[in-house]
Amino acid sequence: MQPDRERAASEFRRMMGWIALAGALMVIASLCYLSLYGPLRLHMVVAAIAGIFVSVLLGCGLFAAAFFSDKSGHDREVTDATRREPRD
């Protein structure tokens, strides 16, 4: 069971790396788009970076955590632990 957890943890780290890259690319694209309509001010840039990057990381990261929980066997352990044994 341990190799499954190690493999799932490795996949989770790789997935979070791709999610962070996607978030960074979305921030760059949004700043390019915003620059088309006027000058970029410091507060606007900081707010865009924080809002877009954190939103992407949080939303996708929670999905990645759910997939990690299933692949690593944590969900099965909880299901087995809460299952009641029939009494004779």
N, C-alpha and C. Protein backbone atom coordinates (compact mmCIF):
# COMPACT_ATOMS: atom_id res chain seq x y z
N MET A 1 0.83 -1.19 0.00
CA MET A 1 0.00 0.00 0.00
C MET A 1 0.87 1.26 0.00
N GLN A 2 2.05 1.17 0.57
CA GLN A 2 2.94 2.32 0.63
C GLN A 2 3.39 2.80 -0.74
N PRO A 3 3.73 1.90 -1.70
CA PRO A 3 4.12 2.40 -3.03
C PRO A 3 3.01 3.20 -3.71
N ASP A 4 1.75 2.85 -3.45
CA ASP A 4 0.64 3.62 -4.02
C ASP A 4 0.65 5.05 -3.50
N ARG A 5 0.93 5.21 -2.22
CA ARG A 5 0.96 6.55 -1.63
C ARG A 5 2.13 7.36 -2.17
N GLU A 6 3.27 6.72 -2.32
CA GLU A 6 4.44 7.43 -2.85
C GLU A 6 4.20 7.85 -4.30
N ARG A 7 3.59 6.96 -5.09
CA ARG A 7 3.28 7.29 -6.48
C ARG A 7 2.25 8.40 -6.53
N ALA A 8 1.23 8.33 -5.67
CA ALA A 8 0.19 9.37 -5.64
C ALA A 8 0.78 10.71 -5.20
N ALA A 9 1.70 10.69 -4.23
CA ALA A 9 2.34 11.93 -3.79
C ALA A 9 3.19 12.52 -4.90
N SER A 10 3.88 11.67 -5.64
CA SER A 10 4.69 12.15 -6.76
C SER A 10 3.81 12.77 -7.84
N GLU A 11 2.70 12.12 -8.16
CA GLU A 11 1.76 12.66 -9.14
C GLU A 11 1.16 13.98 -8.66
N PHE A 12 0.88 14.07 -7.35
CA PHE A 12 0.30 15.29 -6.80
C PHE A 12 1.28 16.45 -6.93
N ARG A 13 2.55 16.22 -6.60
CA ARG A 13 3.56 17.28 -6.73
C ARG A 13 3.70 17.72 -8.18
N ARG A 14 3.71 16.75 -9.10
CA ARG A 14 3.81 17.08 -10.52
C ARG A 14 2.59 17.88 -10.98
N MET A 15 1.41 17.46 -10.53
CA MET A 15 0.18 18.15 -10.90
C MET A 15 0.16 19.57 -10.35
N MET A 16 0.64 19.78 -9.13
CA MET A 16 0.68 21.12 -8.55
C MET A 16 1.66 22.01 -9.30
N GLY A 17 2.74 21.42 -9.80
CA GLY A 17 3.68 22.19 -10.63
C GLY A 17 3.02 22.69 -11.90
N TRP A 18 2.27 21.80 -12.56
CA TRP A 18 1.56 22.20 -13.78
C TRP A 18 0.49 23.24 -13.48
N ILE A 19 -0.17 23.10 -12.34
CA ILE A 19 -1.20 24.07 -11.96
C ILE A 19 -0.57 25.44 -11.71
N ALA A 20 0.57 25.46 -11.03
CA ALA A 20 1.27 26.73 -10.79
C ALA A 20 1.71 27.36 -12.11
N LEU A 21 2.18 26.55 -13.03
CA LEU A 21 2.57 27.07 -14.34
C LEU A 21 1.36 27.65 -15.08
N ALA A 22 0.24 26.93 -15.04
CA ALA A 22 -0.98 27.43 -15.68
C ALA A 22 -1.44 28.74 -15.04
N GLY A 23 -1.33 28.84 -13.72
CA GLY A 23 -1.70 30.07 -13.03
C GLY A 23 -0.82 31.23 -13.44
N ALA A 24 0.49 30.97 -13.55
CA ALA A 24 1.42 32.02 -13.97
C ALA A 24 1.13 32.47 -15.40
N LEU A 25 0.84 31.52 -16.28
CA LEU A 25 0.51 31.88 -17.66
C LEU A 25 -0.79 32.68 -17.74
N MET A 26 -1.76 32.34 -16.90
CA MET A 26 -3.01 33.09 -16.88
C MET A 26 -2.80 34.51 -16.36
N VAL A 27 -1.91 34.67 -15.38
CA VAL A 27 -1.59 36.01 -14.88
C VAL A 27 -0.94 36.84 -15.98
N ILE A 28 0.02 36.26 -16.68
CA ILE A 28 0.70 36.98 -17.77
C ILE A 28 -0.29 37.37 -18.86
N ALA A 29 -1.15 36.43 -19.24
CA ALA A 29 -2.14 36.71 -20.28
C ALA A 29 -3.11 37.80 -19.84
N SER A 30 -3.54 37.76 -18.59
CA SER A 30 -4.49 38.77 -18.13
C SER A 30 -3.84 40.15 -18.03
N LEU A 31 -2.57 40.21 -17.64
CA LEU A 31 -1.89 41.50 -17.59
C LEU A 31 -1.67 42.06 -19.00
N CYS A 32 -1.39 41.18 -19.95
CA CYS A 32 -1.28 41.64 -21.35
C CYS A 32 -2.61 42.18 -21.83
N TYR A 33 -3.69 41.50 -21.50
CA TYR A 33 -5.02 41.94 -21.90
C TYR A 33 -5.37 43.28 -21.25
N LEU A 34 -5.08 43.41 -19.95
CA LEU A 34 -5.38 44.66 -19.26
C LEU A 34 -4.56 45.82 -19.80
N SER A 35 -3.35 45.54 -20.25
CA SER A 35 -2.50 46.61 -20.76
C SER A 35 -3.02 47.17 -22.08
N LEU A 36 -3.88 46.44 -22.76
CA LEU A 36 -4.45 46.94 -24.01
C LEU A 36 -5.42 48.10 -23.78
N TYR A 37 -5.99 48.18 -22.58
CA TYR A 37 -7.02 49.17 -22.31
C TYR A 37 -6.55 50.33 -21.45
N GLY A 38 -5.29 50.40 -21.17
CA GLY A 38 -4.78 51.53 -20.40
C GLY A 38 -3.49 51.15 -19.69
N PRO A 39 -2.90 52.13 -19.04
CA PRO A 39 -1.64 51.85 -18.33
C PRO A 39 -1.88 50.96 -17.11
N LEU A 40 -0.91 50.14 -16.85
CA LEU A 40 -0.99 49.27 -15.67
C LEU A 40 -0.45 50.01 -14.45
N ARG A 41 -1.25 50.10 -13.45
CA ARG A 41 -0.84 50.72 -12.20
C ARG A 41 -0.39 49.61 -11.23
N LEU A 42 0.43 49.98 -10.28
CA LEU A 42 0.99 49.00 -9.34
C LEU A 42 -0.10 48.24 -8.59
N HIS A 43 -1.10 48.95 -8.09
CA HIS A 43 -2.15 48.29 -7.33
C HIS A 43 -2.95 47.33 -8.19
N MET A 44 -3.18 47.70 -9.43
CA MET A 44 -3.92 46.83 -10.34
C MET A 44 -3.12 45.56 -10.64
N VAL A 45 -1.83 45.72 -10.84
CA VAL A 45 -0.98 44.56 -11.14
C VAL A 45 -0.92 43.62 -9.95
N VAL A 46 -0.72 44.16 -8.75
CA VAL A 46 -0.66 43.33 -7.55
C VAL A 46 -1.99 42.61 -7.32
N ALA A 47 -3.09 43.33 -7.48
CA ALA A 47 -4.41 42.72 -7.29
C ALA A 47 -4.68 41.63 -8.32
N ALA A 48 -4.30 41.88 -9.56
CA ALA A 48 -4.50 40.88 -10.61
C ALA A 48 -3.66 39.64 -10.35
N ILE A 49 -2.39 39.85 -9.98
CA ILE A 49 -1.52 38.70 -9.71
C ILE A 49 -2.07 37.89 -8.55
N ALA A 50 -2.39 38.57 -7.45
CA ALA A 50 -2.88 37.86 -6.28
C ALA A 50 -4.21 37.17 -6.55
N GLY A 51 -5.13 37.88 -7.15
CA GLY A 51 -6.47 37.32 -7.37
C GLY A 51 -6.47 36.16 -8.35
N ILE A 52 -5.81 36.31 -9.46
CA ILE A 52 -5.84 35.27 -10.49
C ILE A 52 -5.03 34.06 -10.06
N PHE A 53 -3.80 34.29 -9.61
CA PHE A 53 -2.93 33.17 -9.25
C PHE A 53 -3.49 32.38 -8.07
N VAL A 54 -3.94 33.08 -7.04
CA VAL A 54 -4.49 32.40 -5.86
C VAL A 54 -5.77 31.65 -6.22
N SER A 55 -6.62 32.25 -7.04
CA SER A 55 -7.87 31.58 -7.43
C SER A 55 -7.60 30.30 -8.21
N VAL A 56 -6.67 30.37 -9.16
CA VAL A 56 -6.33 29.18 -9.95
C VAL A 56 -5.71 28.12 -9.06
N LEU A 57 -4.77 28.53 -8.20
CA LEU A 57 -4.11 27.57 -7.32
C LEU A 57 -5.09 26.93 -6.35
N LEU A 58 -5.98 27.72 -5.79
CA LEU A 58 -6.94 27.19 -4.82
C LEU A 58 -7.94 26.26 -5.49
N GLY A 59 -8.54 26.70 -6.58
CA GLY A 59 -9.54 25.88 -7.25
C GLY A 59 -8.98 24.57 -7.78
N CYS A 60 -7.90 24.67 -8.52
CA CYS A 60 -7.29 23.45 -9.10
C CYS A 60 -6.61 22.61 -8.03
N GLY A 61 -6.03 23.28 -7.03
CA GLY A 61 -5.37 22.54 -5.96
C GLY A 61 -6.33 21.69 -5.14
N LEU A 62 -7.53 22.19 -4.93
CA LEU A 62 -8.51 21.39 -4.20
C LEU A 62 -8.94 20.16 -5.00
N PHE A 63 -9.08 20.31 -6.30
CA PHE A 63 -9.38 19.15 -7.14
C PHE A 63 -8.22 18.16 -7.11
N ALA A 64 -6.99 18.68 -7.19
CA ALA A 64 -5.82 17.81 -7.14
C ALA A 64 -5.74 17.07 -5.81
N ALA A 65 -6.09 17.75 -4.72
CA ALA A 65 -6.08 17.10 -3.40
C ALA A 65 -7.13 15.99 -3.32
N ALA A 66 -8.28 16.21 -3.95
CA ALA A 66 -9.31 15.17 -3.97
C ALA A 66 -8.83 13.95 -4.75
N PHE A 67 -8.18 14.18 -5.89
CA PHE A 67 -7.64 13.06 -6.66
C PHE A 67 -6.53 12.35 -5.89
N PHE A 68 -5.68 13.11 -5.19
CA PHE A 68 -4.61 12.51 -4.39
C PHE A 68 -5.20 11.64 -3.29
N SER A 69 -6.23 12.12 -2.64
CA SER A 69 -6.86 11.36 -1.56
C SER A 69 -7.39 10.03 -2.06
N ASP A 70 -7.97 10.03 -3.24
CA ASP A 70 -8.50 8.79 -3.80
C ASP A 70 -7.38 7.85 -4.23
N LYS A 71 -6.38 8.38 -4.94
CA LYS A 71 -5.30 7.54 -5.46
C LYS A 71 -4.40 6.98 -4.37
N SER A 72 -4.23 7.71 -3.27
CA SER A 72 -3.32 7.27 -2.22
C SER A 72 -3.94 6.24 -1.29
N GLY A 73 -5.25 6.06 -1.36
CA GLY A 73 -5.91 5.08 -0.51
C GLY A 73 -6.51 5.66 0.76
N HIS A 74 -6.39 6.97 0.96
CA HIS A 74 -6.95 7.58 2.16
C HIS A 74 -8.47 7.43 2.20
N ASP A 75 -9.11 7.58 1.06
CA ASP A 75 -10.57 7.44 1.01
C ASP A 75 -11.01 6.03 1.40
N ARG A 76 -10.28 5.03 0.94
CA ARG A 76 -10.62 3.64 1.25
C ARG A 76 -10.45 3.37 2.75
N GLU A 77 -9.41 3.93 3.36
CA GLU A 77 -9.20 3.75 4.79
C GLU A 77 -10.35 4.32 5.61
N VAL A 78 -10.81 5.50 5.21
CA VAL A 78 -11.90 6.14 5.93
C VAL A 78 -13.18 5.33 5.74
N THR A 79 -13.42 4.86 4.52
CA THR A 79 -14.62 4.06 4.25
C THR A 79 -14.59 2.78 5.07
N ASP A 80 -13.45 2.13 5.11
CA ASP A 80 -13.33 0.89 5.87
C ASP A 80 -13.46 1.13 7.37
N ALA A 81 -12.93 2.24 7.86
CA ALA A 81 -12.97 2.54 9.28
C ALA A 81 -14.38 2.88 9.76
N THR A 82 -15.18 3.45 8.90
CA THR A 82 -16.53 3.84 9.30
C THR A 82 -17.58 2.79 8.98
N ARG A 83 -17.18 1.74 8.31
CA ARG A 83 -18.13 0.67 7.99
C ARG A 83 -18.41 -0.15 9.25
N ARG A 84 -19.63 -0.37 9.51
CA ARG A 84 -20.01 -1.12 10.71
C ARG A 84 -20.02 -2.61 10.43
N GLU A 85 -19.54 -3.33 11.39
CA GLU A 85 -19.56 -4.79 11.29
C GLU A 85 -20.93 -5.30 11.77
N PRO A 86 -21.49 -6.25 11.06
CA PRO A 86 -22.78 -6.80 11.52
C PRO A 86 -22.61 -7.57 12.83
N ARG A 87 -23.54 -7.36 13.74
CA ARG A 87 -23.50 -8.08 15.03
C ARG A 87 -24.31 -9.37 14.93
N ASP A 88 -23.77 -10.38 15.54
CA ASP A 88 -24.49 -11.69 15.56
C ASP A 88 -25.29 -11.87 16.80
